[in-house]
Amino acid sequence: DKLAYFRIKELKDVLTQLGLPKQGKKQELVDKILSLLSDDQGSRSHSWAKKNSMGKDGVVKIIDDTYRKMQIPGATDLASKSQSSSDINQVKPKEEVRDLYQEMKVSCPCGSTLITDSMIQCEEPKCKLWQHINCVIIPEKPMEGVRPEVPQCFYCEVCRLNRADPFWDTARQPLRPTKLAFSGISSDG
């Protein structure tokens, strides 16, 4: 209920404290926060943010603190600049979230290292690489607006090569990201 009263500035402040990306329209920002509060946390590969150590209580506390700061008369920038006792108590969880963010290895065939909500992690214990679901999972019958079905067990392309031939030592990515250019020549010759 409190999220409906938040401006984009407060929503971005909450997402910053949670270590989540802050891009998008107001409703998208609200949806990101609500997804952390929902009970649908069975699938571990849909979002890296679900792995943070805060839990629902930490998210609720951040939302309550931000809402409380909004209620102070004349406080326009307090949501992001104020130093209260509750902010001091939250220093440790923020550092933990930042550590998770910095420890995430992202390498995708698209070449982007941007962390989004639709990420999948390689199951190989030595690898644990994160990739965009839309880049590495290509459905047989693609449908617009429908996310591809996420497999139970996912391995990145390097780990798949290593599992296919255990005697082959893969030293780097087999395919580097490449942009294809339109040639302007028609396909009929």
N, C-alpha and C. Protein backbone atom coordinates (compact mmCIF):
# COMPACT_ATOMS: atom_id res chain seq x y z
N ASP A 1 0.82 -1.19 0.00
CA ASP A 1 0.00 0.00 0.00
C ASP A 1 0.87 1.26 0.00
N LYS A 2 1.96 1.23 0.76
CA LYS A 2 2.82 2.41 0.87
C LYS A 2 3.53 2.71 -0.44
N LEU A 3 3.81 1.68 -1.22
CA LEU A 3 4.53 1.88 -2.48
C LEU A 3 3.75 2.77 -3.44
N ALA A 4 2.43 2.76 -3.35
CA ALA A 4 1.61 3.59 -4.25
C ALA A 4 1.86 5.08 -4.02
N TYR A 5 2.28 5.47 -2.81
CA TYR A 5 2.53 6.87 -2.49
C TYR A 5 3.95 7.29 -2.85
N PHE A 6 4.82 6.35 -3.18
CA PHE A 6 6.21 6.67 -3.47
C PHE A 6 6.33 7.35 -4.83
N ARG A 7 7.20 8.35 -4.90
CA ARG A 7 7.57 8.92 -6.18
C ARG A 7 8.69 8.05 -6.76
N ILE A 8 9.06 8.34 -7.99
CA ILE A 8 10.13 7.56 -8.63
C ILE A 8 11.41 7.68 -7.81
N LYS A 9 11.65 8.86 -7.24
CA LYS A 9 12.85 9.08 -6.44
C LYS A 9 12.92 8.12 -5.25
N GLU A 10 11.80 7.96 -4.53
CA GLU A 10 11.79 7.04 -3.39
C GLU A 10 11.91 5.59 -3.83
N LEU A 11 11.27 5.25 -4.94
CA LEU A 11 11.37 3.88 -5.45
C LEU A 11 12.81 3.55 -5.81
N LYS A 12 13.50 4.49 -6.47
CA LYS A 12 14.90 4.27 -6.84
C LYS A 12 15.78 4.17 -5.59
N ASP A 13 15.44 4.95 -4.56
CA ASP A 13 16.20 4.88 -3.31
C ASP A 13 16.07 3.49 -2.68
N VAL A 14 14.84 2.96 -2.66
CA VAL A 14 14.61 1.61 -2.12
C VAL A 14 15.38 0.57 -2.93
N LEU A 15 15.31 0.68 -4.27
CA LEU A 15 16.00 -0.28 -5.13
C LEU A 15 17.51 -0.19 -4.95
N THR A 16 18.04 1.02 -4.74
CA THR A 16 19.47 1.19 -4.49
C THR A 16 19.87 0.47 -3.21
N GLN A 17 19.07 0.64 -2.16
CA GLN A 17 19.38 -0.02 -0.89
C GLN A 17 19.31 -1.54 -1.01
N LEU A 18 18.47 -2.03 -1.94
CA LEU A 18 18.34 -3.47 -2.14
C LEU A 18 19.38 -4.00 -3.13
N GLY A 19 20.10 -3.09 -3.79
CA GLY A 19 21.11 -3.51 -4.76
C GLY A 19 20.52 -3.97 -6.07
N LEU A 20 19.35 -3.45 -6.44
CA LEU A 20 18.68 -3.84 -7.68
C LEU A 20 18.82 -2.75 -8.72
N PRO A 21 18.68 -3.10 -10.01
CA PRO A 21 18.73 -2.08 -11.06
C PRO A 21 17.58 -1.09 -10.92
N LYS A 22 17.84 0.20 -11.24
CA LYS A 22 16.85 1.25 -11.02
C LYS A 22 16.26 1.78 -12.31
N GLN A 23 16.39 1.08 -13.41
CA GLN A 23 15.86 1.57 -14.68
C GLN A 23 14.41 1.15 -14.84
N GLY A 24 13.64 1.99 -15.52
CA GLY A 24 12.27 1.64 -15.84
C GLY A 24 11.28 2.70 -15.40
N LYS A 25 10.04 2.49 -15.82
CA LYS A 25 8.95 3.39 -15.44
C LYS A 25 8.54 3.10 -14.00
N LYS A 26 7.69 3.97 -13.46
CA LYS A 26 7.30 3.85 -12.06
C LYS A 26 6.70 2.48 -11.76
N GLN A 27 5.81 2.00 -12.61
CA GLN A 27 5.17 0.71 -12.36
C GLN A 27 6.18 -0.43 -12.40
N GLU A 28 7.18 -0.35 -13.28
CA GLU A 28 8.21 -1.38 -13.35
C GLU A 28 9.03 -1.41 -12.06
N LEU A 29 9.33 -0.21 -11.53
CA LEU A 29 10.09 -0.14 -10.27
C LEU A 29 9.28 -0.74 -9.12
N VAL A 30 7.98 -0.43 -9.09
CA VAL A 30 7.10 -0.99 -8.05
C VAL A 30 7.05 -2.51 -8.19
N ASP A 31 6.94 -3.00 -9.43
CA ASP A 31 6.88 -4.45 -9.66
C ASP A 31 8.14 -5.16 -9.18
N LYS A 32 9.31 -4.52 -9.37
CA LYS A 32 10.56 -5.13 -8.91
C LYS A 32 10.54 -5.32 -7.40
N ILE A 33 10.06 -4.29 -6.69
CA ILE A 33 10.02 -4.37 -5.23
C ILE A 33 8.97 -5.39 -4.79
N LEU A 34 7.81 -5.39 -5.44
CA LEU A 34 6.75 -6.33 -5.07
C LEU A 34 7.16 -7.78 -5.34
N SER A 35 8.00 -7.99 -6.37
CA SER A 35 8.43 -9.36 -6.66
C SER A 35 9.27 -9.93 -5.53
N LEU A 36 9.99 -9.06 -4.81
CA LEU A 36 10.77 -9.52 -3.66
C LEU A 36 9.86 -9.89 -2.49
N LEU A 37 8.71 -9.23 -2.42
CA LEU A 37 7.79 -9.47 -1.31
C LEU A 37 6.82 -10.62 -1.58
N SER A 38 6.72 -11.05 -2.84
CA SER A 38 5.76 -12.11 -3.16
C SER A 38 6.25 -13.45 -2.62
N ASP A 39 5.33 -14.38 -2.48
CA ASP A 39 5.66 -15.71 -1.95
C ASP A 39 6.23 -16.62 -3.01
N ASP A 40 6.24 -16.19 -4.27
CA ASP A 40 6.71 -17.03 -5.37
C ASP A 40 8.23 -17.01 -5.43
N GLN A 41 8.89 -17.73 -4.50
CA GLN A 41 10.34 -17.76 -4.49
C GLN A 41 10.85 -19.18 -4.69
N GLY A 42 10.06 -20.02 -5.36
CA GLY A 42 10.45 -21.41 -5.57
C GLY A 42 11.56 -21.57 -6.60
N SER A 43 11.51 -20.80 -7.67
CA SER A 43 12.51 -20.94 -8.73
C SER A 43 13.71 -20.07 -8.42
N ARG A 44 14.87 -20.66 -8.29
CA ARG A 44 16.04 -19.93 -7.86
C ARG A 44 16.77 -19.26 -9.01
N SER A 45 16.37 -19.53 -10.26
CA SER A 45 17.13 -19.00 -11.37
C SER A 45 16.52 -17.77 -12.01
N HIS A 46 15.32 -17.35 -11.62
CA HIS A 46 14.68 -16.23 -12.32
C HIS A 46 15.33 -14.89 -12.01
N SER A 47 15.78 -14.66 -10.80
CA SER A 47 16.32 -13.36 -10.48
C SER A 47 17.41 -13.48 -9.43
N TRP A 48 18.51 -12.81 -9.68
CA TRP A 48 19.62 -12.87 -8.73
C TRP A 48 19.26 -12.17 -7.43
N ALA A 49 18.33 -11.24 -7.47
CA ALA A 49 17.98 -10.48 -6.28
C ALA A 49 17.33 -11.36 -5.22
N LYS A 50 16.72 -12.45 -5.62
CA LYS A 50 16.07 -13.33 -4.65
C LYS A 50 17.10 -14.04 -3.79
N LYS A 51 18.37 -13.98 -4.17
CA LYS A 51 19.40 -14.66 -3.41
C LYS A 51 19.98 -13.75 -2.33
N ASN A 52 19.51 -12.49 -2.26
CA ASN A 52 20.12 -11.62 -1.26
C ASN A 52 19.73 -12.08 0.13
N SER A 53 20.53 -11.67 1.10
CA SER A 53 20.38 -12.20 2.46
C SER A 53 19.41 -11.39 3.30
N MET A 54 18.78 -10.36 2.76
CA MET A 54 17.88 -9.52 3.54
C MET A 54 16.59 -10.22 3.88
N GLY A 55 15.96 -10.85 2.93
CA GLY A 55 14.68 -11.48 3.15
C GLY A 55 13.57 -10.44 3.13
N LYS A 56 12.34 -10.93 3.30
CA LYS A 56 11.16 -10.06 3.24
C LYS A 56 11.19 -8.99 4.33
N ASP A 57 11.61 -9.37 5.54
CA ASP A 57 11.61 -8.42 6.65
C ASP A 57 12.50 -7.22 6.37
N GLY A 58 13.67 -7.47 5.78
CA GLY A 58 14.58 -6.38 5.44
C GLY A 58 13.99 -5.45 4.40
N VAL A 59 13.32 -6.04 3.40
CA VAL A 59 12.69 -5.24 2.35
C VAL A 59 11.57 -4.38 2.95
N VAL A 60 10.74 -4.99 3.80
CA VAL A 60 9.64 -4.26 4.44
C VAL A 60 10.19 -3.13 5.30
N LYS A 61 11.28 -3.37 6.01
CA LYS A 61 11.88 -2.34 6.87
C LYS A 61 12.37 -1.16 6.04
N ILE A 62 13.00 -1.43 4.91
CA ILE A 62 13.48 -0.36 4.03
C ILE A 62 12.30 0.46 3.51
N ILE A 63 11.23 -0.23 3.10
CA ILE A 63 10.04 0.47 2.59
C ILE A 63 9.43 1.34 3.70
N ASP A 64 9.30 0.78 4.91
CA ASP A 64 8.73 1.53 6.03
C ASP A 64 9.58 2.76 6.37
N ASP A 65 10.90 2.59 6.40
CA ASP A 65 11.79 3.72 6.71
C ASP A 65 11.66 4.82 5.66
N THR A 66 11.62 4.43 4.40
CA THR A 66 11.49 5.42 3.33
C THR A 66 10.14 6.13 3.41
N TYR A 67 9.08 5.39 3.70
CA TYR A 67 7.74 5.98 3.83
C TYR A 67 7.70 6.95 5.01
N ARG A 68 8.31 6.56 6.11
CA ARG A 68 8.34 7.40 7.30
C ARG A 68 9.07 8.71 7.01
N LYS A 69 10.16 8.65 6.26
CA LYS A 69 10.92 9.85 5.90
C LYS A 69 10.10 10.77 5.00
N MET A 70 9.22 10.19 4.18
CA MET A 70 8.36 11.01 3.31
C MET A 70 7.35 11.80 4.12
N GLN A 71 6.96 11.29 5.29
CA GLN A 71 5.90 11.91 6.09
C GLN A 71 6.38 13.13 6.87
N ILE A 72 7.69 13.33 6.95
CA ILE A 72 8.22 14.49 7.68
C ILE A 72 7.94 15.74 6.86
N PRO A 73 7.26 16.77 7.44
CA PRO A 73 6.92 17.97 6.67
C PRO A 73 8.18 18.70 6.19
N GLY A 74 8.15 19.13 4.93
CA GLY A 74 9.27 19.88 4.36
C GLY A 74 10.46 19.03 4.00
N ALA A 75 10.34 17.72 4.06
CA ALA A 75 11.46 16.85 3.76
C ALA A 75 11.34 16.36 2.32
N THR A 76 11.99 17.05 1.41
CA THR A 76 11.91 16.63 0.01
C THR A 76 13.01 15.65 -0.33
N ASP A 77 14.19 15.86 0.21
CA ASP A 77 15.32 15.00 -0.12
C ASP A 77 15.68 14.04 1.00
N LEU A 78 14.88 13.99 2.05
CA LEU A 78 15.24 13.15 3.19
C LEU A 78 15.24 11.67 2.86
N ALA A 79 14.47 11.26 1.88
CA ALA A 79 14.39 9.83 1.57
C ALA A 79 15.73 9.28 1.14
N SER A 80 16.58 10.12 0.56
CA SER A 80 17.86 9.59 0.11
C SER A 80 19.06 10.16 0.86
N LYS A 81 18.89 11.30 1.60
CA LYS A 81 20.06 11.94 2.20
C LYS A 81 20.10 11.87 3.72
N SER A 82 19.01 11.54 4.37
CA SER A 82 18.97 11.61 5.82
C SER A 82 19.78 10.50 6.47
N GLN A 83 20.38 10.82 7.61
CA GLN A 83 21.12 9.83 8.38
C GLN A 83 20.43 9.68 9.72
N SER A 84 19.57 8.70 9.85
CA SER A 84 18.88 8.46 11.11
C SER A 84 19.45 7.20 11.74
N SER A 85 18.97 6.89 12.94
CA SER A 85 19.47 5.69 13.60
C SER A 85 19.12 4.44 12.83
N SER A 86 17.98 4.45 12.12
CA SER A 86 17.62 3.26 11.35
C SER A 86 18.57 3.08 10.17
N ASP A 87 19.09 4.19 9.59
CA ASP A 87 20.06 4.08 8.51
C ASP A 87 21.36 3.46 9.01
N ILE A 88 21.77 3.83 10.21
CA ILE A 88 23.01 3.29 10.76
C ILE A 88 22.87 1.78 10.98
N ASN A 89 21.70 1.33 11.40
CA ASN A 89 21.47 -0.09 11.61
C ASN A 89 21.46 -0.86 10.30
N GLN A 90 21.21 -0.19 9.18
CA GLN A 90 21.10 -0.88 7.90
C GLN A 90 22.42 -0.94 7.14
N VAL A 91 23.50 -0.42 7.69
CA VAL A 91 24.77 -0.39 6.96
C VAL A 91 25.24 -1.79 6.60
N LYS A 92 25.16 -2.70 7.51
CA LYS A 92 25.66 -4.04 7.24
C LYS A 92 24.90 -4.75 6.12
N PRO A 93 23.55 -4.77 6.12
CA PRO A 93 22.86 -5.42 5.00
C PRO A 93 23.19 -4.78 3.65
N LYS A 94 23.33 -3.44 3.60
CA LYS A 94 23.66 -2.79 2.34
C LYS A 94 25.01 -3.28 1.83
N GLU A 95 26.00 -3.42 2.73
CA GLU A 95 27.31 -3.91 2.31
C GLU A 95 27.21 -5.33 1.79
N GLU A 96 26.39 -6.17 2.44
CA GLU A 96 26.22 -7.54 1.98
C GLU A 96 25.60 -7.59 0.60
N VAL A 97 24.61 -6.74 0.34
CA VAL A 97 23.98 -6.70 -0.98
C VAL A 97 24.98 -6.24 -2.02
N ARG A 98 25.79 -5.23 -1.71
CA ARG A 98 26.81 -4.77 -2.65
C ARG A 98 27.81 -5.87 -2.94
N ASP A 99 28.21 -6.64 -1.91
CA ASP A 99 29.15 -7.73 -2.13
C ASP A 99 28.56 -8.76 -3.08
N LEU A 100 27.29 -9.11 -2.91
CA LEU A 100 26.64 -10.05 -3.82
C LEU A 100 26.65 -9.50 -5.24
N TYR A 101 26.39 -8.20 -5.37
CA TYR A 101 26.35 -7.56 -6.68
C TYR A 101 27.73 -7.60 -7.34
N GLN A 102 28.78 -7.34 -6.55
CA GLN A 102 30.13 -7.32 -7.10
C GLN A 102 30.65 -8.72 -7.38
N GLU A 103 30.20 -9.72 -6.63
CA GLU A 103 30.67 -11.09 -6.83
C GLU A 103 30.00 -11.76 -8.02
N MET A 104 28.91 -11.20 -8.52
CA MET A 104 28.19 -11.80 -9.64
C MET A 104 29.01 -11.72 -10.91
N LYS A 105 29.30 -12.88 -11.51
CA LYS A 105 29.99 -12.90 -12.79
C LYS A 105 28.94 -12.94 -13.88
N VAL A 106 28.90 -11.92 -14.72
CA VAL A 106 27.93 -11.85 -15.81
C VAL A 106 28.70 -11.86 -17.12
N SER A 107 28.42 -12.84 -17.95
CA SER A 107 29.01 -12.92 -19.28
C SER A 107 27.95 -13.53 -20.18
N CYS A 108 27.48 -12.75 -21.12
CA CYS A 108 26.37 -13.18 -21.95
C CYS A 108 26.78 -13.15 -23.42
N PRO A 109 26.21 -14.01 -24.26
CA PRO A 109 26.52 -13.98 -25.69
C PRO A 109 26.20 -12.63 -26.33
N CYS A 110 25.30 -11.85 -25.74
CA CYS A 110 24.95 -10.55 -26.31
C CYS A 110 26.04 -9.51 -26.06
N GLY A 111 26.97 -9.80 -25.14
CA GLY A 111 28.06 -8.88 -24.85
C GLY A 111 27.76 -7.91 -23.73
N SER A 112 26.54 -7.86 -23.25
CA SER A 112 26.16 -6.93 -22.19
C SER A 112 26.42 -7.56 -20.82
N THR A 113 26.91 -6.75 -19.90
CA THR A 113 27.10 -7.22 -18.53
C THR A 113 26.06 -6.60 -17.60
N LEU A 114 25.01 -6.01 -18.18
CA LEU A 114 23.94 -5.39 -17.41
C LEU A 114 23.14 -6.47 -16.68
N ILE A 115 22.92 -6.27 -15.40
CA ILE A 115 22.17 -7.23 -14.60
C ILE A 115 20.70 -6.87 -14.69
N THR A 116 19.88 -7.82 -15.15
CA THR A 116 18.44 -7.59 -15.29
C THR A 116 17.69 -8.56 -14.40
N ASP A 117 16.36 -8.47 -14.45
CA ASP A 117 15.53 -9.36 -13.63
C ASP A 117 15.47 -10.77 -14.19
N SER A 118 15.69 -10.92 -15.48
CA SER A 118 15.59 -12.26 -16.08
C SER A 118 16.99 -12.80 -16.36
N MET A 119 17.60 -13.34 -15.31
CA MET A 119 18.94 -13.90 -15.41
C MET A 119 18.87 -15.37 -14.99
N ILE A 120 19.83 -16.15 -15.50
CA ILE A 120 19.92 -17.56 -15.13
C ILE A 120 21.38 -17.84 -14.81
N GLN A 121 21.61 -18.72 -13.83
CA GLN A 121 22.96 -19.01 -13.37
C GLN A 121 23.38 -20.41 -13.77
N CYS A 122 24.63 -20.54 -14.18
CA CYS A 122 25.21 -21.84 -14.53
C CYS A 122 25.28 -22.70 -13.26
N GLU A 123 24.93 -23.97 -13.40
CA GLU A 123 24.89 -24.88 -12.25
C GLU A 123 26.28 -25.38 -11.83
N GLU A 124 27.27 -25.23 -12.70
CA GLU A 124 28.62 -25.72 -12.40
C GLU A 124 29.17 -24.97 -11.18
N PRO A 125 29.55 -25.70 -10.11
CA PRO A 125 30.01 -25.03 -8.88
C PRO A 125 31.23 -24.13 -9.09
N LYS A 126 32.12 -24.48 -10.01
CA LYS A 126 33.31 -23.66 -10.24
C LYS A 126 33.00 -22.44 -11.10
N CYS A 127 31.91 -22.45 -11.82
CA CYS A 127 31.58 -21.39 -12.77
C CYS A 127 30.63 -20.34 -12.17
N LYS A 128 29.40 -20.74 -11.90
CA LYS A 128 28.36 -19.87 -11.34
C LYS A 128 28.18 -18.58 -12.15
N LEU A 129 28.31 -18.64 -13.45
CA LEU A 129 28.18 -17.51 -14.35
C LEU A 129 26.71 -17.16 -14.56
N TRP A 130 26.38 -15.89 -14.62
CA TRP A 130 25.02 -15.42 -14.86
C TRP A 130 24.89 -14.97 -16.30
N GLN A 131 23.76 -15.31 -16.95
CA GLN A 131 23.49 -14.90 -18.32
C GLN A 131 22.03 -14.49 -18.44
N HIS A 132 21.73 -13.66 -19.46
CA HIS A 132 20.35 -13.25 -19.70
C HIS A 132 19.56 -14.43 -20.26
N ILE A 133 18.41 -14.70 -19.70
CA ILE A 133 17.58 -15.83 -20.14
C ILE A 133 17.24 -15.71 -21.61
N ASN A 134 16.86 -14.51 -22.06
CA ASN A 134 16.45 -14.33 -23.46
C ASN A 134 17.60 -14.54 -24.44
N CYS A 135 18.84 -14.46 -23.99
CA CYS A 135 20.00 -14.64 -24.87
C CYS A 135 20.43 -16.10 -24.97
N VAL A 136 20.23 -16.88 -23.92
CA VAL A 136 20.76 -18.25 -23.91
C VAL A 136 19.69 -19.33 -24.01
N ILE A 137 18.44 -18.99 -23.78
CA ILE A 137 17.36 -19.97 -23.89
C ILE A 137 16.49 -19.55 -25.07
N ILE A 138 16.58 -20.28 -26.16
CA ILE A 138 15.83 -19.96 -27.36
C ILE A 138 14.76 -21.03 -27.54
N PRO A 139 13.49 -20.66 -27.42
CA PRO A 139 12.41 -21.64 -27.55
C PRO A 139 12.26 -22.13 -28.98
N GLU A 140 11.72 -23.35 -29.13
CA GLU A 140 11.50 -23.89 -30.47
C GLU A 140 10.46 -23.08 -31.22
N LYS A 141 9.41 -22.66 -30.52
CA LYS A 141 8.36 -21.84 -31.13
C LYS A 141 8.29 -20.52 -30.36
N PRO A 142 9.08 -19.54 -30.78
CA PRO A 142 9.07 -18.27 -30.05
C PRO A 142 7.74 -17.54 -30.20
N MET A 143 7.25 -17.01 -29.08
CA MET A 143 6.01 -16.24 -29.08
C MET A 143 6.31 -14.89 -28.43
N GLU A 144 5.84 -13.83 -29.05
CA GLU A 144 6.12 -12.49 -28.56
C GLU A 144 5.45 -12.25 -27.21
N GLY A 145 6.22 -11.68 -26.28
CA GLY A 145 5.68 -11.35 -24.97
C GLY A 145 5.69 -12.51 -23.99
N VAL A 146 6.09 -13.70 -24.42
CA VAL A 146 6.10 -14.87 -23.55
C VAL A 146 7.55 -15.23 -23.27
N ARG A 147 7.90 -15.32 -21.99
CA ARG A 147 9.26 -15.70 -21.62
C ARG A 147 9.50 -17.17 -21.91
N PRO A 148 10.71 -17.50 -22.35
CA PRO A 148 11.01 -18.91 -22.60
C PRO A 148 10.99 -19.71 -21.29
N GLU A 149 10.67 -20.99 -21.41
CA GLU A 149 10.61 -21.86 -20.24
C GLU A 149 12.03 -22.11 -19.74
N VAL A 150 12.23 -21.93 -18.45
CA VAL A 150 13.55 -22.07 -17.85
C VAL A 150 13.79 -23.54 -17.49
N PRO A 151 14.92 -24.12 -17.94
CA PRO A 151 15.19 -25.52 -17.62
C PRO A 151 15.52 -25.71 -16.14
N GLN A 152 15.33 -26.93 -15.65
CA GLN A 152 15.65 -27.26 -14.26
C GLN A 152 17.14 -27.12 -13.99
N CYS A 153 17.95 -27.55 -14.96
CA CYS A 153 19.39 -27.53 -14.80
C CYS A 153 20.00 -26.80 -16.00
N PHE A 154 20.76 -25.74 -15.75
CA PHE A 154 21.33 -24.94 -16.84
C PHE A 154 22.84 -24.88 -16.71
N TYR A 155 23.53 -25.09 -17.83
CA TYR A 155 24.98 -24.93 -17.90
C TYR A 155 25.31 -23.94 -19.01
N CYS A 156 26.26 -23.04 -18.77
CA CYS A 156 26.67 -22.09 -19.80
C CYS A 156 27.40 -22.85 -20.91
N GLU A 157 27.68 -22.14 -22.03
CA GLU A 157 28.26 -22.83 -23.18
C GLU A 157 29.64 -23.42 -22.88
N VAL A 158 30.44 -22.75 -22.06
CA VAL A 158 31.77 -23.28 -21.72
C VAL A 158 31.64 -24.55 -20.89
N CYS A 159 30.76 -24.55 -19.91
CA CYS A 159 30.58 -25.74 -19.07
C CYS A 159 29.96 -26.89 -19.85
N ARG A 160 29.09 -26.57 -20.83
CA ARG A 160 28.53 -27.63 -21.67
C ARG A 160 29.64 -28.28 -22.49
N LEU A 161 30.57 -27.47 -23.01
CA LEU A 161 31.71 -28.03 -23.75
C LEU A 161 32.57 -28.91 -22.84
N ASN A 162 32.85 -28.42 -21.65
CA ASN A 162 33.67 -29.19 -20.71
C ASN A 162 32.99 -30.49 -20.28
N ARG A 163 31.67 -30.46 -20.14
CA ARG A 163 30.95 -31.68 -19.76
C ARG A 163 30.87 -32.66 -20.93
N ALA A 164 30.81 -32.13 -22.16
CA ALA A 164 30.72 -33.00 -23.34
C ALA A 164 32.03 -33.74 -23.57
N ASP A 165 33.15 -33.05 -23.37
CA ASP A 165 34.46 -33.67 -23.58
C ASP A 165 35.35 -33.31 -22.40
N PRO A 166 35.42 -34.18 -21.39
CA PRO A 166 36.18 -33.85 -20.18
C PRO A 166 37.69 -33.71 -20.42
N PHE A 167 38.18 -34.18 -21.57
CA PHE A 167 39.61 -34.08 -21.85
C PHE A 167 39.95 -32.78 -22.58
N TRP A 168 38.95 -32.03 -22.96
CA TRP A 168 39.14 -30.76 -23.64
C TRP A 168 39.12 -29.66 -22.59
N ASP A 169 40.21 -28.89 -22.49
CA ASP A 169 40.30 -27.82 -21.51
C ASP A 169 39.96 -26.49 -22.18
N THR A 170 38.80 -25.94 -21.84
CA THR A 170 38.36 -24.68 -22.44
C THR A 170 38.96 -23.53 -21.64
N ALA A 171 39.77 -22.72 -22.30
CA ALA A 171 40.46 -21.64 -21.61
C ALA A 171 39.69 -20.33 -21.63
N ARG A 172 38.80 -20.12 -22.62
CA ARG A 172 38.05 -18.87 -22.72
C ARG A 172 36.73 -19.11 -23.44
N GLN A 173 35.95 -18.06 -23.60
CA GLN A 173 34.67 -18.17 -24.27
C GLN A 173 34.87 -18.63 -25.72
N PRO A 174 34.12 -19.63 -26.18
CA PRO A 174 34.30 -20.12 -27.55
C PRO A 174 33.81 -19.13 -28.60
N LEU A 175 32.76 -18.36 -28.30
CA LEU A 175 32.22 -17.39 -29.25
C LEU A 175 32.13 -16.02 -28.58
N ARG A 176 32.77 -15.05 -29.17
CA ARG A 176 32.69 -13.69 -28.66
C ARG A 176 31.46 -13.01 -29.25
N PRO A 177 30.86 -12.07 -28.55
CA PRO A 177 29.69 -11.36 -29.07
C PRO A 177 30.03 -10.62 -30.36
N THR A 178 29.16 -10.74 -31.35
CA THR A 178 29.37 -10.10 -32.64
C THR A 178 28.06 -9.49 -33.10
N LYS A 179 28.13 -8.25 -33.59
CA LYS A 179 26.94 -7.64 -34.18
C LYS A 179 26.93 -7.96 -35.65
N LEU A 180 25.80 -8.43 -36.14
CA LEU A 180 25.66 -8.73 -37.55
C LEU A 180 25.16 -7.49 -38.27
N ALA A 181 25.80 -7.20 -39.41
CA ALA A 181 25.42 -6.03 -40.19
C ALA A 181 24.54 -6.45 -41.35
N PHE A 182 23.57 -5.62 -41.69
CA PHE A 182 22.69 -5.86 -42.82
C PHE A 182 23.46 -5.54 -44.09
N SER A 183 23.47 -6.47 -45.04
CA SER A 183 24.26 -6.28 -46.25
C SER A 183 23.52 -5.50 -47.32
N GLY A 184 22.21 -5.46 -47.26
CA GLY A 184 21.44 -4.74 -48.26
C GLY A 184 21.14 -5.56 -49.50
N ILE A 185 21.71 -6.75 -49.60
CA ILE A 185 21.48 -7.63 -50.75
C ILE A 185 20.26 -8.48 -50.46
N SER A 186 19.35 -8.58 -51.42
CA SER A 186 18.15 -9.38 -51.20
C SER A 186 18.49 -10.86 -51.20
N SER A 187 17.66 -11.65 -50.54
CA SER A 187 17.95 -13.07 -50.37
C SER A 187 17.75 -13.88 -51.66
N ASP A 188 17.05 -13.35 -52.66
CA ASP A 188 16.81 -14.12 -53.87
C ASP A 188 17.90 -13.91 -54.91
N GLY A 189 18.95 -13.24 -54.56
CA GLY A 189 20.09 -13.25 -55.41
C GLY A 189 20.60 -12.02 -55.94
